[in-house]
Amino acid sequence: MHKKIPLLLLLSTSLIISADHHAMKGDQSKKETKKIEMEKRGMWKPEDCKKISQTSGAYLYFSGEAFKKRSAHEKDGNKALADEAFTEARALAELAANFAKNFEAYCKR
């Protein structure tokens, strides 16, 4: 039994020495480490996340504006234009929701 221990140590040492070099945490900056971790988890870059968030907000804003148009057309008694504006508001709100879901899935940490 005791004769096998030096043999195991010799074999394991040779395996460690021949292993490829892997960067240690100290070899990379914290920013690079965080970037690599984000990529492994499928996270998007912060600048892309900002664009997604801004786009979602823009669609939501325009949805609100379309809904205001709907209300104005409804007051004027123009049902066809009110329905058209409502359809536009709904479509824009759905786009905003889709962008928000993407942000939540790929940008939240």
PDB file of N, CA and C in Angstrom:
ATOM      1  N   MET A   1       0.815  -1.192   0.000  1.00  0.00           N
ATOM      2  CA  MET A   1       0.000   0.000   0.000  1.00  0.00           C
ATOM      3  C   MET A   1       0.857   1.253   0.000  1.00  0.00           C
ATOM      4  N   HIS A   2       1.880   1.298   0.871  1.00  0.00           N
ATOM      5  CA  HIS A   2       2.724   2.477   0.974  1.00  0.00           C
ATOM      6  C   HIS A   2       3.581   2.679  -0.268  1.00  0.00           C
ATOM      7  N   LYS A   3       3.817   1.641  -1.025  1.00  0.00           N
ATOM      8  CA  LYS A   3       4.605   1.753  -2.248  1.00  0.00           C
ATOM      9  C   LYS A   3       3.792   2.403  -3.364  1.00  0.00           C
ATOM     10  N   LYS A   4       2.487   2.312  -3.278  1.00  0.00           N
ATOM     11  CA  LYS A   4       1.628   2.883  -4.320  1.00  0.00           C
ATOM     12  C   LYS A   4       1.454   4.387  -4.171  1.00  0.00           C
ATOM     13  N   ILE A   5       1.596   4.904  -2.977  1.00  0.00           N
ATOM     14  CA  ILE A   5       1.402   6.350  -2.737  1.00  0.00           C
ATOM     15  C   ILE A   5       2.417   7.172  -3.516  1.00  0.00           C
ATOM     16  N   PRO A   6       3.717   6.887  -3.452  1.00  0.00           N
ATOM     17  CA  PRO A   6       4.660   7.688  -4.257  1.00  0.00           C
ATOM     18  C   PRO A   6       4.386   7.588  -5.762  1.00  0.00           C
ATOM     19  N   LEU A   7       3.968   6.409  -6.197  1.00  0.00           N
ATOM     20  CA  LEU A   7       3.644   6.238  -7.608  1.00  0.00           C
ATOM     21  C   LEU A   7       2.464   7.118  -8.011  1.00  0.00           C
ATOM     22  N   LEU A   8       1.408   7.156  -7.175  1.00  0.00           N
ATOM     23  CA  LEU A   8       0.251   8.017  -7.443  1.00  0.00           C
ATOM     24  C   LEU A   8       0.642   9.492  -7.431  1.00  0.00           C
ATOM     25  N   LEU A   9       1.486   9.902  -6.501  1.00  0.00           N
ATOM     26  CA  LEU A   9       1.958  11.291  -6.448  1.00  0.00           C
ATOM     27  C   LEU A   9       2.743  11.646  -7.702  1.00  0.00           C
ATOM     28  N   LEU A  10       3.604  10.751  -8.129  1.00  0.00           N
ATOM     29  CA  LEU A  10       4.396  10.984  -9.334  1.00  0.00           C
ATOM     30  C   LEU A  10       3.501  11.135 -10.561  1.00  0.00           C
ATOM     31  N   LEU A  11       2.513  10.255 -10.701  1.00  0.00           N
ATOM     32  CA  LEU A  11       1.605  10.314 -11.847  1.00  0.00           C
ATOM     33  C   LEU A  11       0.741  11.573 -11.814  1.00  0.00           C
ATOM     34  N   SER A  12       0.227  11.907 -10.645  1.00  0.00           N
ATOM     35  CA  SER A  12      -0.639  13.091 -10.577  1.00  0.00           C
ATOM     36  C   SER A  12       0.152  14.367 -10.800  1.00  0.00           C
ATOM     37  N   THR A  13       1.398  14.428 -10.347  1.00  0.00           N
ATOM     38  CA  THR A  13       2.233  15.609 -10.567  1.00  0.00           C
ATOM     39  C   THR A  13       2.508  15.790 -12.047  1.00  0.00           C
ATOM     40  N   SER A  14       2.783  14.706 -12.733  1.00  0.00           N
ATOM     41  CA  SER A  14       3.060  14.816 -14.168  1.00  0.00           C
ATOM     42  C   SER A  14       1.823  15.277 -14.937  1.00  0.00           C
ATOM     43  N   LEU A  15       0.647  14.858 -14.474  1.00  0.00           N
ATOM     44  CA  LEU A  15      -0.583  15.305 -15.129  1.00  0.00           C
ATOM     45  C   LEU A  15      -0.820  16.799 -14.906  1.00  0.00           C
ATOM     46  N   ILE A  16      -0.544  17.271 -13.710  1.00  0.00           N
ATOM     47  CA  ILE A  16      -0.728  18.692 -13.413  1.00  0.00           C
ATOM     48  C   ILE A  16       0.238  19.538 -14.227  1.00  0.00           C
ATOM     49  N   ILE A  17       1.479  19.095 -14.330  1.00  0.00           N
ATOM     50  CA  ILE A  17       2.489  19.851 -15.073  1.00  0.00           C
ATOM     51  C   ILE A  17       2.152  19.903 -16.550  1.00  0.00           C
ATOM     52  N   SER A  18       1.624  18.838 -17.112  1.00  0.00           N
ATOM     53  CA  SER A  18       1.328  18.804 -18.541  1.00  0.00           C
ATOM     54  C   SER A  18      -0.009  19.439 -18.909  1.00  0.00           C
ATOM     55  N   ALA A  19      -0.809  19.823 -17.926  1.00  0.00           N
ATOM     56  CA  ALA A  19      -2.111  20.424 -18.205  1.00  0.00           C
ATOM     57  C   ALA A  19      -1.936  21.791 -18.859  1.00  0.00           C
ATOM     58  N   ASP A  20      -2.905  22.162 -19.689  1.00  0.00           N
ATOM     59  CA  ASP A  20      -2.881  23.478 -20.322  1.00  0.00           C
ATOM     60  C   ASP A  20      -3.009  24.552 -19.270  1.00  0.00           C
ATOM     61  N   HIS A  21      -2.444  25.707 -19.588  1.00  0.00           N
ATOM     62  CA  HIS A  21      -2.558  26.837 -18.668  1.00  0.00           C
ATOM     63  C   HIS A  21      -3.965  27.425 -18.781  1.00  0.00           C
ATOM     64  N   HIS A  22      -4.629  27.596 -17.672  1.00  0.00           N
ATOM     65  CA  HIS A  22      -5.927  28.247 -17.624  1.00  0.00           C
ATOM     66  C   HIS A  22      -5.768  29.525 -16.839  1.00  0.00           C
ATOM     67  N   ALA A  23      -6.343  30.593 -17.338  1.00  0.00           N
ATOM     68  CA  ALA A  23      -6.204  31.877 -16.670  1.00  0.00           C
ATOM     69  C   ALA A  23      -6.815  31.815 -15.281  1.00  0.00           C
ATOM     70  N   MET A  24      -6.101  32.342 -14.354  1.00  0.00           N
ATOM     71  CA  MET A  24      -6.607  32.425 -12.999  1.00  0.00           C
ATOM     72  C   MET A  24      -7.407  33.707 -12.855  1.00  0.00           C
ATOM     73  N   LYS A  25      -8.211  33.788 -11.821  1.00  0.00           N
ATOM     74  CA  LYS A  25      -9.026  34.980 -11.619  1.00  0.00           C
ATOM     75  C   LYS A  25      -8.162  36.223 -11.495  1.00  0.00           C
ATOM     76  N   GLY A  26      -6.975  36.090 -10.946  1.00  0.00           N
ATOM     77  CA  GLY A  26      -6.083  37.233 -10.786  1.00  0.00           C
ATOM     78  C   GLY A  26      -5.495  37.701 -12.109  1.00  0.00           C
ATOM     79  N   ASP A  27      -5.507  36.836 -13.132  1.00  0.00           N
ATOM     80  CA  ASP A  27      -4.935  37.177 -14.427  1.00  0.00           C
ATOM     81  C   ASP A  27      -5.845  38.085 -15.249  1.00  0.00           C
ATOM     82  N   GLN A  28      -7.108  38.170 -14.906  1.00  0.00           N
ATOM     83  CA  GLN A  28      -8.064  38.967 -15.673  1.00  0.00           C
ATOM     84  C   GLN A  28      -8.623  40.060 -14.797  1.00  0.00           C
ATOM     85  N   SER A  29      -9.001  41.137 -15.453  1.00  0.00           N
ATOM     86  CA  SER A  29      -9.644  42.199 -14.699  1.00  0.00           C
ATOM     87  C   SER A  29     -11.052  41.758 -14.314  1.00  0.00           C
ATOM     88  N   LYS A  30     -11.617  42.413 -13.333  1.00  0.00           N
ATOM     89  CA  LYS A  30     -12.971  42.059 -12.895  1.00  0.00           C
ATOM     90  C   LYS A  30     -13.971  42.248 -14.025  1.00  0.00           C
ATOM     91  N   LYS A  31     -13.745  43.278 -14.845  1.00  0.00           N
ATOM     92  CA  LYS A  31     -14.657  43.557 -15.955  1.00  0.00           C
ATOM     93  C   LYS A  31     -14.632  42.412 -16.968  1.00  0.00           C
ATOM     94  N   GLU A  32     -13.460  41.917 -17.293  1.00  0.00           N
ATOM     95  CA  GLU A  32     -13.343  40.812 -18.247  1.00  0.00           C
ATOM     96  C   GLU A  32     -13.970  39.539 -17.682  1.00  0.00           C
ATOM     97  N   THR A  33     -13.753  39.306 -16.398  1.00  0.00           N
ATOM     98  CA  THR A  33     -14.332  38.128 -15.752  1.00  0.00           C
ATOM     99  C   THR A  33     -15.851  38.197 -15.783  1.00  0.00           C
ATOM    100  N   LYS A  34     -16.404  39.363 -15.475  1.00  0.00           N
ATOM    101  CA  LYS A  34     -17.857  39.537 -15.485  1.00  0.00           C
ATOM    102  C   LYS A  34     -18.402  39.341 -16.896  1.00  0.00           C
ATOM    103  N   LYS A  35     -17.679  39.854 -17.892  1.00  0.00           N
ATOM    104  CA  LYS A  35     -18.110  39.709 -19.286  1.00  0.00           C
ATOM    105  C   LYS A  35     -18.161  38.240 -19.690  1.00  0.00           C
ATOM    106  N   ILE A  36     -17.152  37.488 -19.294  1.00  0.00           N
ATOM    107  CA  ILE A  36     -17.111  36.062 -19.626  1.00  0.00           C
ATOM    108  C   ILE A  36     -18.249  35.320 -18.925  1.00  0.00           C
ATOM    109  N   GLU A  37     -18.492  35.657 -17.658  1.00  0.00           N
ATOM    110  CA  GLU A  37     -19.588  35.019 -16.925  1.00  0.00           C
ATOM    111  C   GLU A  37     -20.931  35.326 -17.566  1.00  0.00           C
ATOM    112  N   MET A  38     -21.104  36.580 -18.025  1.00  0.00           N
ATOM    113  CA  MET A  38     -22.361  36.968 -18.671  1.00  0.00           C
ATOM    114  C   MET A  38     -22.552  36.186 -19.964  1.00  0.00           C
ATOM    115  N   GLU A  39     -21.475  36.023 -20.739  1.00  0.00           N
ATOM    116  CA  GLU A  39     -21.582  35.291 -21.999  1.00  0.00           C
ATOM    117  C   GLU A  39     -21.933  33.827 -21.751  1.00  0.00           C
ATOM    118  N   LYS A  40     -21.377  33.255 -20.695  1.00  0.00           N
ATOM    119  CA  LYS A  40     -21.683  31.864 -20.372  1.00  0.00           C
ATOM    120  C   LYS A  40     -23.147  31.691 -20.006  1.00  0.00           C
ATOM    121  N   ARG A  41     -23.729  32.702 -19.351  1.00  0.00           N
ATOM    122  CA  ARG A  41     -25.132  32.625 -18.940  1.00  0.00           C
ATOM    123  C   ARG A  41     -26.070  33.111 -20.039  1.00  0.00           C
ATOM    124  N   GLY A  42     -25.547  33.523 -21.184  1.00  0.00           N
ATOM    125  CA  GLY A  42     -26.386  34.006 -22.266  1.00  0.00           C
ATOM    126  C   GLY A  42     -26.820  35.445 -22.083  1.00  0.00           C
ATOM    127  N   MET A  43     -26.085  36.200 -21.278  1.00  0.00           N
ATOM    128  CA  MET A  43     -26.442  37.590 -21.025  1.00  0.00           C
ATOM    129  C   MET A  43     -25.931  38.466 -22.173  1.00  0.00           C
ATOM    130  N   TRP A  44     -26.640  39.557 -22.394  1.00  0.00           N
ATOM    131  CA  TRP A  44     -26.248  40.493 -23.443  1.00  0.00           C
ATOM    132  C   TRP A  44     -25.358  41.582 -22.878  1.00  0.00           C
ATOM    133  N   LYS A  45     -24.677  42.277 -23.770  1.00  0.00           N
ATOM    134  CA  LYS A  45     -23.797  43.379 -23.375  1.00  0.00           C
ATOM    135  C   LYS A  45     -24.647  44.511 -22.786  1.00  0.00           C
ATOM    136  N   PRO A  46     -24.082  45.248 -21.835  1.00  0.00           N
ATOM    137  CA  PRO A  46     -24.834  46.354 -21.215  1.00  0.00           C
ATOM    138  C   PRO A  46     -25.334  47.390 -22.217  1.00  0.00           C
ATOM    139  N   GLU A  47     -24.541  47.679 -23.241  1.00  0.00           N
ATOM    140  CA  GLU A  47     -24.986  48.678 -24.224  1.00  0.00           C
ATOM    141  C   GLU A  47     -26.178  48.161 -25.042  1.00  0.00           C
ATOM    142  N   ASP A  48     -26.204  46.857 -25.315  1.00  0.00           N
ATOM    143  CA  ASP A  48     -27.344  46.268 -26.012  1.00  0.00           C
ATOM    144  C   ASP A  48     -28.584  46.267 -25.118  1.00  0.00           C
ATOM    145  N   CYS A  49     -28.372  45.992 -23.837  1.00  0.00           N
ATOM    146  CA  CYS A  49     -29.488  45.994 -22.886  1.00  0.00           C
ATOM    147  C   CYS A  49     -30.092  47.395 -22.771  1.00  0.00           C
ATOM    148  N   LYS A  50     -29.236  48.391 -22.800  1.00  0.00           N
ATOM    149  CA  LYS A  50     -29.725  49.770 -22.720  1.00  0.00           C
ATOM    150  C   LYS A  50     -30.594  50.096 -23.937  1.00  0.00           C
ATOM    151  N   LYS A  51     -30.168  49.644 -25.110  1.00  0.00           N
ATOM    152  CA  LYS A  51     -30.944  49.880 -26.332  1.00  0.00           C
ATOM    153  C   LYS A  51     -32.293  49.164 -26.270  1.00  0.00           C
ATOM    154  N   ILE A  52     -32.290  47.937 -25.758  1.00  0.00           N
ATOM    155  CA  ILE A  52     -33.537  47.177 -25.624  1.00  0.00           C
ATOM    156  C   ILE A  52     -34.494  47.904 -24.688  1.00  0.00           C
ATOM    157  N   SER A  53     -33.971  48.382 -23.580  1.00  0.00           N
ATOM    158  CA  SER A  53     -34.794  49.094 -22.603  1.00  0.00           C
ATOM    159  C   SER A  53     -35.357  50.389 -23.197  1.00  0.00           C
ATOM    160  N   GLN A  54     -34.518  51.134 -23.893  1.00  0.00           N
ATOM    161  CA  GLN A  54     -34.969  52.379 -24.516  1.00  0.00           C
ATOM    162  C   GLN A  54     -36.016  52.116 -25.591  1.00  0.00           C
ATOM    163  N   THR A  55     -35.833  51.065 -26.349  1.00  0.00           N
ATOM    164  CA  THR A  55     -36.796  50.731 -27.399  1.00  0.00           C
ATOM    165  C   THR A  55     -38.139  50.347 -26.795  1.00  0.00           C
ATOM    166  N   SER A  56     -38.106  49.568 -25.727  1.00  0.00           N
ATOM    167  CA  SER A  56     -39.340  49.199 -25.047  1.00  0.00           C
ATOM    168  C   SER A  56     -40.068  50.441 -24.544  1.00  0.00           C
ATOM    169  N   GLY A  57     -39.323  51.357 -23.956  1.00  0.00           N
ATOM    170  CA  GLY A  57     -39.910  52.605 -23.477  1.00  0.00           C
ATOM    171  C   GLY A  57     -40.492  53.445 -24.601  1.00  0.00           C
ATOM    172  N   ALA A  58     -39.804  53.488 -25.734  1.00  0.00           N
ATOM    173  CA  ALA A  58     -40.297  54.264 -26.880  1.00  0.00           C
ATOM    174  C   ALA A  58     -41.610  53.676 -27.406  1.00  0.00           C
ATOM    175  N   TYR A  59     -41.656  52.345 -27.540  1.00  0.00           N
ATOM    176  CA  TYR A  59     -42.892  51.715 -28.002  1.00  0.00           C
ATOM    177  C   TYR A  59     -44.041  51.963 -27.026  1.00  0.00           C
ATOM    178  N   LEU A  60     -43.743  51.935 -25.756  1.00  0.00           N
ATOM    179  CA  LEU A  60     -44.776  52.188 -24.757  1.00  0.00           C
ATOM    180  C   LEU A  60     -45.274  53.630 -24.840  1.00  0.00           C
ATOM    181  N   TYR A  61     -44.351  54.568 -25.052  1.00  0.00           N
ATOM    182  CA  TYR A  61     -44.735  55.971 -25.206  1.00  0.00           C
ATOM    183  C   TYR A  61     -45.648  56.161 -26.420  1.00  0.00           C
ATOM    184  N   PHE A  62     -45.249  55.590 -27.562  1.00  0.00           N
ATOM    185  CA  PHE A  62     -46.048  55.742 -28.771  1.00  0.00           C
ATOM    186  C   PHE A  62     -47.391  55.021 -28.661  1.00  0.00           C
ATOM    187  N   SER A  63     -47.423  53.951 -27.899  1.00  0.00           N
ATOM    188  CA  SER A  63     -48.693  53.283 -27.626  1.00  0.00           C
ATOM    189  C   SER A  63     -49.630  54.218 -26.869  1.00  0.00           C
ATOM    190  N   GLY A  64     -49.101  54.907 -25.891  1.00  0.00           N
ATOM    191  CA  GLY A  64     -49.901  55.874 -25.140  1.00  0.00           C
ATOM    192  C   GLY A  64     -50.406  57.007 -26.012  1.00  0.00           C
ATOM    193  N   GLU A  65     -49.564  57.473 -26.922  1.00  0.00           N
ATOM    194  CA  GLU A  65     -49.965  58.539 -27.845  1.00  0.00           C
ATOM    195  C   GLU A  65     -51.083  58.058 -28.780  1.00  0.00           C
ATOM    196  N   ALA A  66     -50.966  56.824 -29.252  1.00  0.00           N
ATOM    197  CA  ALA A  66     -52.012  56.266 -30.114  1.00  0.00           C
ATOM    198  C   ALA A  66     -53.321  56.116 -29.342  1.00  0.00           C
ATOM    199  N   PHE A  67     -53.222  55.764 -28.069  1.00  0.00           N
ATOM    200  CA  PHE A  67     -54.424  55.640 -27.257  1.00  0.00           C
ATOM    201  C   PHE A  67     -55.088  57.004 -27.039  1.00  0.00           C
ATOM    202  N   LYS A  68     -54.262  58.050 -26.914  1.00  0.00           N
ATOM    203  CA  LYS A  68     -54.809  59.411 -26.805  1.00  0.00           C
ATOM    204  C   LYS A  68     -55.552  59.784 -28.089  1.00  0.00           C
ATOM    205  N   LYS A  69     -54.979  59.406 -29.237  1.00  0.00           N
ATOM    206  CA  LYS A  69     -55.651  59.658 -30.520  1.00  0.00           C
ATOM    207  C   LYS A  69     -56.989  58.938 -30.562  1.00  0.00           C
ATOM    208  N   ARG A  70     -56.997  57.715 -30.059  1.00  0.00           N
ATOM    209  CA  ARG A  70     -58.229  56.936 -30.022  1.00  0.00           C
ATOM    210  C   ARG A  70     -59.290  57.678 -29.214  1.00  0.00           C
ATOM    211  N   SER A  71     -58.895  58.181 -28.063  1.00  0.00           N
ATOM    212  CA  SER A  71     -59.849  58.901 -27.214  1.00  0.00           C
ATOM    213  C   SER A  71     -60.382  60.142 -27.919  1.00  0.00           C
ATOM    214  N   ALA A  72     -59.501  60.853 -28.617  1.00  0.00           N
ATOM    215  CA  ALA A  72     -59.927  62.056 -29.339  1.00  0.00           C
ATOM    216  C   ALA A  72     -60.900  61.706 -30.461  1.00  0.00           C
ATOM    217  N   HIS A  73     -60.596  60.656 -31.212  1.00  0.00           N
ATOM    218  CA  HIS A  73     -61.485  60.236 -32.294  1.00  0.00           C
ATOM    219  C   HIS A  73     -62.830  59.753 -31.743  1.00  0.00           C
ATOM    220  N   GLU A  74     -62.789  59.105 -30.591  1.00  0.00           N
ATOM    221  CA  GLU A  74     -64.016  58.612 -29.973  1.00  0.00           C
ATOM    222  C   GLU A  74     -64.906  59.784 -29.538  1.00  0.00           C
ATOM    223  N   LYS A  75     -64.275  60.838 -29.010  1.00  0.00           N
ATOM    224  CA  LYS A  75     -65.038  62.031 -28.611  1.00  0.00           C
ATOM    225  C   LYS A  75     -65.663  62.716 -29.820  1.00  0.00           C
ATOM    226  N   ASP A  76     -64.922  62.672 -30.941  1.00  0.00           N
ATOM    227  CA  ASP A  76     -65.432  63.277 -32.177  1.00  0.00           C
ATOM    228  C   ASP A  76     -66.508  62.421 -32.831  1.00  0.00           C
ATOM    229  N   GLY A  77     -66.666  61.197 -32.365  1.00  0.00           N
ATOM    230  CA  GLY A  77     -67.689  60.317 -32.916  1.00  0.00           C
ATOM    231  C   GLY A  77     -67.233  59.523 -34.118  1.00  0.00           C
ATOM    232  N   ASN A  78     -65.933  59.519 -34.385  1.00  0.00           N
ATOM    233  CA  ASN A  78     -65.388  58.788 -35.530  1.00  0.00           C
ATOM    234  C   ASN A  78     -64.927  57.398 -35.061  1.00  0.00           C
ATOM    235  N   LYS A  79     -65.859  56.455 -35.103  1.00  0.00           N
ATOM    236  CA  LYS A  79     -65.592  55.112 -34.579  1.00  0.00           C
ATOM    237  C   LYS A  79     -64.537  54.368 -35.395  1.00  0.00           C
ATOM    238  N   ALA A  80     -64.519  54.525 -36.699  1.00  0.00           N
ATOM    239  CA  ALA A  80     -63.558  53.810 -37.549  1.00  0.00           C
ATOM    240  C   ALA A  80     -62.123  54.232 -37.217  1.00  0.00           C
ATOM    241  N   LEU A  81     -61.895  55.550 -37.107  1.00  0.00           N
ATOM    242  CA  LEU A  81     -60.551  56.025 -36.764  1.00  0.00           C
ATOM    243  C   LEU A  81     -60.178  55.660 -35.332  1.00  0.00           C
ATOM    244  N   ALA A  82     -61.168  55.650 -34.436  1.00  0.00           N
ATOM    245  CA  ALA A  82     -60.909  55.273 -33.050  1.00  0.00           C
ATOM    246  C   ALA A  82     -60.488  53.806 -32.971  1.00  0.00           C
ATOM    247  N   ASP A  83     -61.153  52.938 -33.728  1.00  0.00           N
ATOM    248  CA  ASP A  83     -60.787  51.523 -33.748  1.00  0.00           C
ATOM    249  C   ASP A  83     -59.398  51.315 -34.341  1.00  0.00           C
ATOM    250  N   GLU A  84     -59.094  52.075 -35.385  1.00  0.00           N
ATOM    251  CA  GLU A  84     -57.776  51.973 -36.020  1.00  0.00           C
ATOM    252  C   GLU A  84     -56.677  52.420 -35.044  1.00  0.00           C
ATOM    253  N   ALA A  85     -56.918  53.508 -34.340  1.00  0.00           N
ATOM    254  CA  ALA A  85     -55.939  53.997 -33.364  1.00  0.00           C
ATOM    255  C   ALA A  85     -55.778  53.006 -32.205  1.00  0.00           C
ATOM    256  N   PHE A  86     -56.887  52.377 -31.809  1.00  0.00           N
ATOM    257  CA  PHE A  86     -56.817  51.375 -30.742  1.00  0.00           C
ATOM    258  C   PHE A  86     -55.973  50.182 -31.180  1.00  0.00           C
ATOM    259  N   THR A  87     -56.149  49.733 -32.416  1.00  0.00           N
ATOM    260  CA  THR A  87     -55.361  48.620 -32.949  1.00  0.00           C
ATOM    261  C   THR A  87     -53.871  48.983 -32.960  1.00  0.00           C
ATOM    262  N   GLU A  88     -53.578  50.228 -33.359  1.00  0.00           N
ATOM    263  CA  GLU A  88     -52.192  50.701 -33.365  1.00  0.00           C
ATOM    264  C   GLU A  88     -51.626  50.715 -31.938  1.00  0.00           C
ATOM    265  N   ALA A  89     -52.413  51.227 -30.992  1.00  0.00           N
ATOM    266  CA  ALA A  89     -51.948  51.295 -29.599  1.00  0.00           C
ATOM    267  C   ALA A  89     -51.688  49.896 -29.045  1.00  0.00           C
ATOM    268  N   ARG A  90     -52.566  48.981 -29.373  1.00  0.00           N
ATOM    269  CA  ARG A  90     -52.418  47.610 -28.881  1.00  0.00           C
ATOM    270  C   ARG A  90     -51.169  46.948 -29.462  1.00  0.00           C
ATOM    271  N   ALA A  91     -50.946  47.136 -30.759  1.00  0.00           N
ATOM    272  CA  ALA A  91     -49.768  46.544 -31.405  1.00  0.00           C
ATOM    273  C   ALA A  91     -48.475  47.116 -30.811  1.00  0.00           C
ATOM    274  N   LEU A  92     -48.450  48.409 -30.591  1.00  0.00           N
ATOM    275  CA  LEU A  92     -47.256  49.026 -30.014  1.00  0.00           C
ATOM    276  C   LEU A  92     -47.034  48.578 -28.570  1.00  0.00           C
ATOM    277  N   ALA A  93     -48.103  48.401 -27.819  1.00  0.00           N
ATOM    278  CA  ALA A  93     -47.984  47.917 -26.440  1.00  0.00           C
ATOM    279  C   ALA A  93     -47.446  46.487 -26.415  1.00  0.00           C
ATOM    280  N   GLU A  94     -47.868  45.664 -27.365  1.00  0.00           N
ATOM    281  CA  GLU A  94     -47.360  44.298 -27.440  1.00  0.00           C
ATOM    282  C   GLU A  94     -45.871  44.286 -27.778  1.00  0.00           C
ATOM    283  N   LEU A  95     -45.458  45.179 -28.686  1.00  0.00           N
ATOM    284  CA  LEU A  95     -44.031  45.285 -29.007  1.00  0.00           C
ATOM    285  C   LEU A  95     -43.237  45.705 -27.772  1.00  0.00           C
ATOM    286  N   ALA A  96     -43.762  46.671 -27.028  1.00  0.00           N
ATOM    287  CA  ALA A  96     -43.086  47.119 -25.806  1.00  0.00           C
ATOM    288  C   ALA A  96     -42.961  45.964 -24.816  1.00  0.00           C
ATOM    289  N   ALA A  97     -44.009  45.184 -24.685  1.00  0.00           N
ATOM    290  CA  ALA A  97     -43.977  44.035 -23.766  1.00  0.00           C
ATOM    291  C   ALA A  97     -42.962  42.991 -24.216  1.00  0.00           C
ATOM    292  N   ASN A  98     -42.879  42.748 -25.507  1.00  0.00           N
ATOM    293  CA  ASN A  98     -41.908  41.783 -26.022  1.00  0.00           C
ATOM    294  C   ASN A  98     -40.475  42.228 -25.749  1.00  0.00           C
ATOM    295  N   PHE A  99     -40.206  43.521 -25.963  1.00  0.00           N
ATOM    296  CA  PHE A  99     -38.872  44.032 -25.683  1.00  0.00           C
ATOM    297  C   PHE A  99     -38.579  43.950 -24.187  1.00  0.00           C
ATOM    298  N   ALA A 100     -39.570  44.233 -23.365  1.00  0.00           N
ATOM    299  CA  ALA A 100     -39.385  44.149 -21.914  1.00  0.00           C
ATOM    300  C   ALA A 100     -39.094  42.710 -21.480  1.00  0.00           C
ATOM    301  N   LYS A 101     -39.750  41.739 -22.106  1.00  0.00           N
ATOM    302  CA  LYS A 101     -39.488  40.330 -21.782  1.00  0.00           C
ATOM    303  C   LYS A 101     -38.075  39.932 -22.186  1.00  0.00           C
ATOM    304  N   ASN A 102     -37.629  40.420 -23.350  1.00  0.00           N
ATOM    305  CA  ASN A 102     -36.257  40.148 -23.769  1.00  0.00           C
ATOM    306  C   ASN A 102     -35.266  40.758 -22.789  1.00  0.00           C
ATOM    307  N   PHE A 103     -35.553  41.982 -22.339  1.00  0.00           N
ATOM    308  CA  PHE A 103     -34.668  42.624 -21.368  1.00  0.00           C
ATOM    309  C   PHE A 103     -34.597  41.789 -20.103  1.00  0.00           C
ATOM    310  N   GLU A 104     -35.751  41.328 -19.642  1.00  0.00           N
ATOM    311  CA  GLU A 104     -35.786  40.541 -18.409  1.00  0.00           C
ATOM    312  C   GLU A 104     -35.027  39.226 -18.581  1.00  0.00           C
ATOM    313  N   ALA A 105     -35.162  38.612 -19.743  1.00  0.00           N
ATOM    314  CA  ALA A 105     -34.531  37.307 -19.968  1.00  0.00           C
ATOM    315  C   ALA A 105     -33.020  37.397 -20.158  1.00  0.00           C
ATOM    316  N   TYR A 106     -32.553  38.426 -20.855  1.00  0.00           N
ATOM    317  CA  TYR A 106     -31.148  38.458 -21.239  1.00  0.00           C
ATOM    318  C   TYR A 106     -30.323  39.546 -20.566  1.00  0.00           C
ATOM    319  N   CYS A 107     -30.972  40.434 -19.815  1.00  0.00           N
ATOM    320  CA  CYS A 107     -30.225  41.558 -19.251  1.00  0.00           C
ATOM    321  C   CYS A 107     -30.255  41.623 -17.731  1.00  0.00           C
ATOM    322  N   LYS A 108     -31.280  41.065 -17.118  1.00  0.00           N
ATOM    323  CA  LYS A 108     -31.346  41.134 -15.647  1.00  0.00           C
ATOM    324  C   LYS A 108     -30.276  40.260 -15.059  1.00  0.00           C
ATOM    325  N   ARG A 109     -29.653  40.771 -14.040  1.00  0.00           N
ATOM    326  CA  ARG A 109     -28.557  40.040 -13.408  1.00  0.00           C
ATOM    327  C   ARG A 109     -29.000  39.401 -12.147  1.00  0.00           C
TER     328      ARG A 109
END
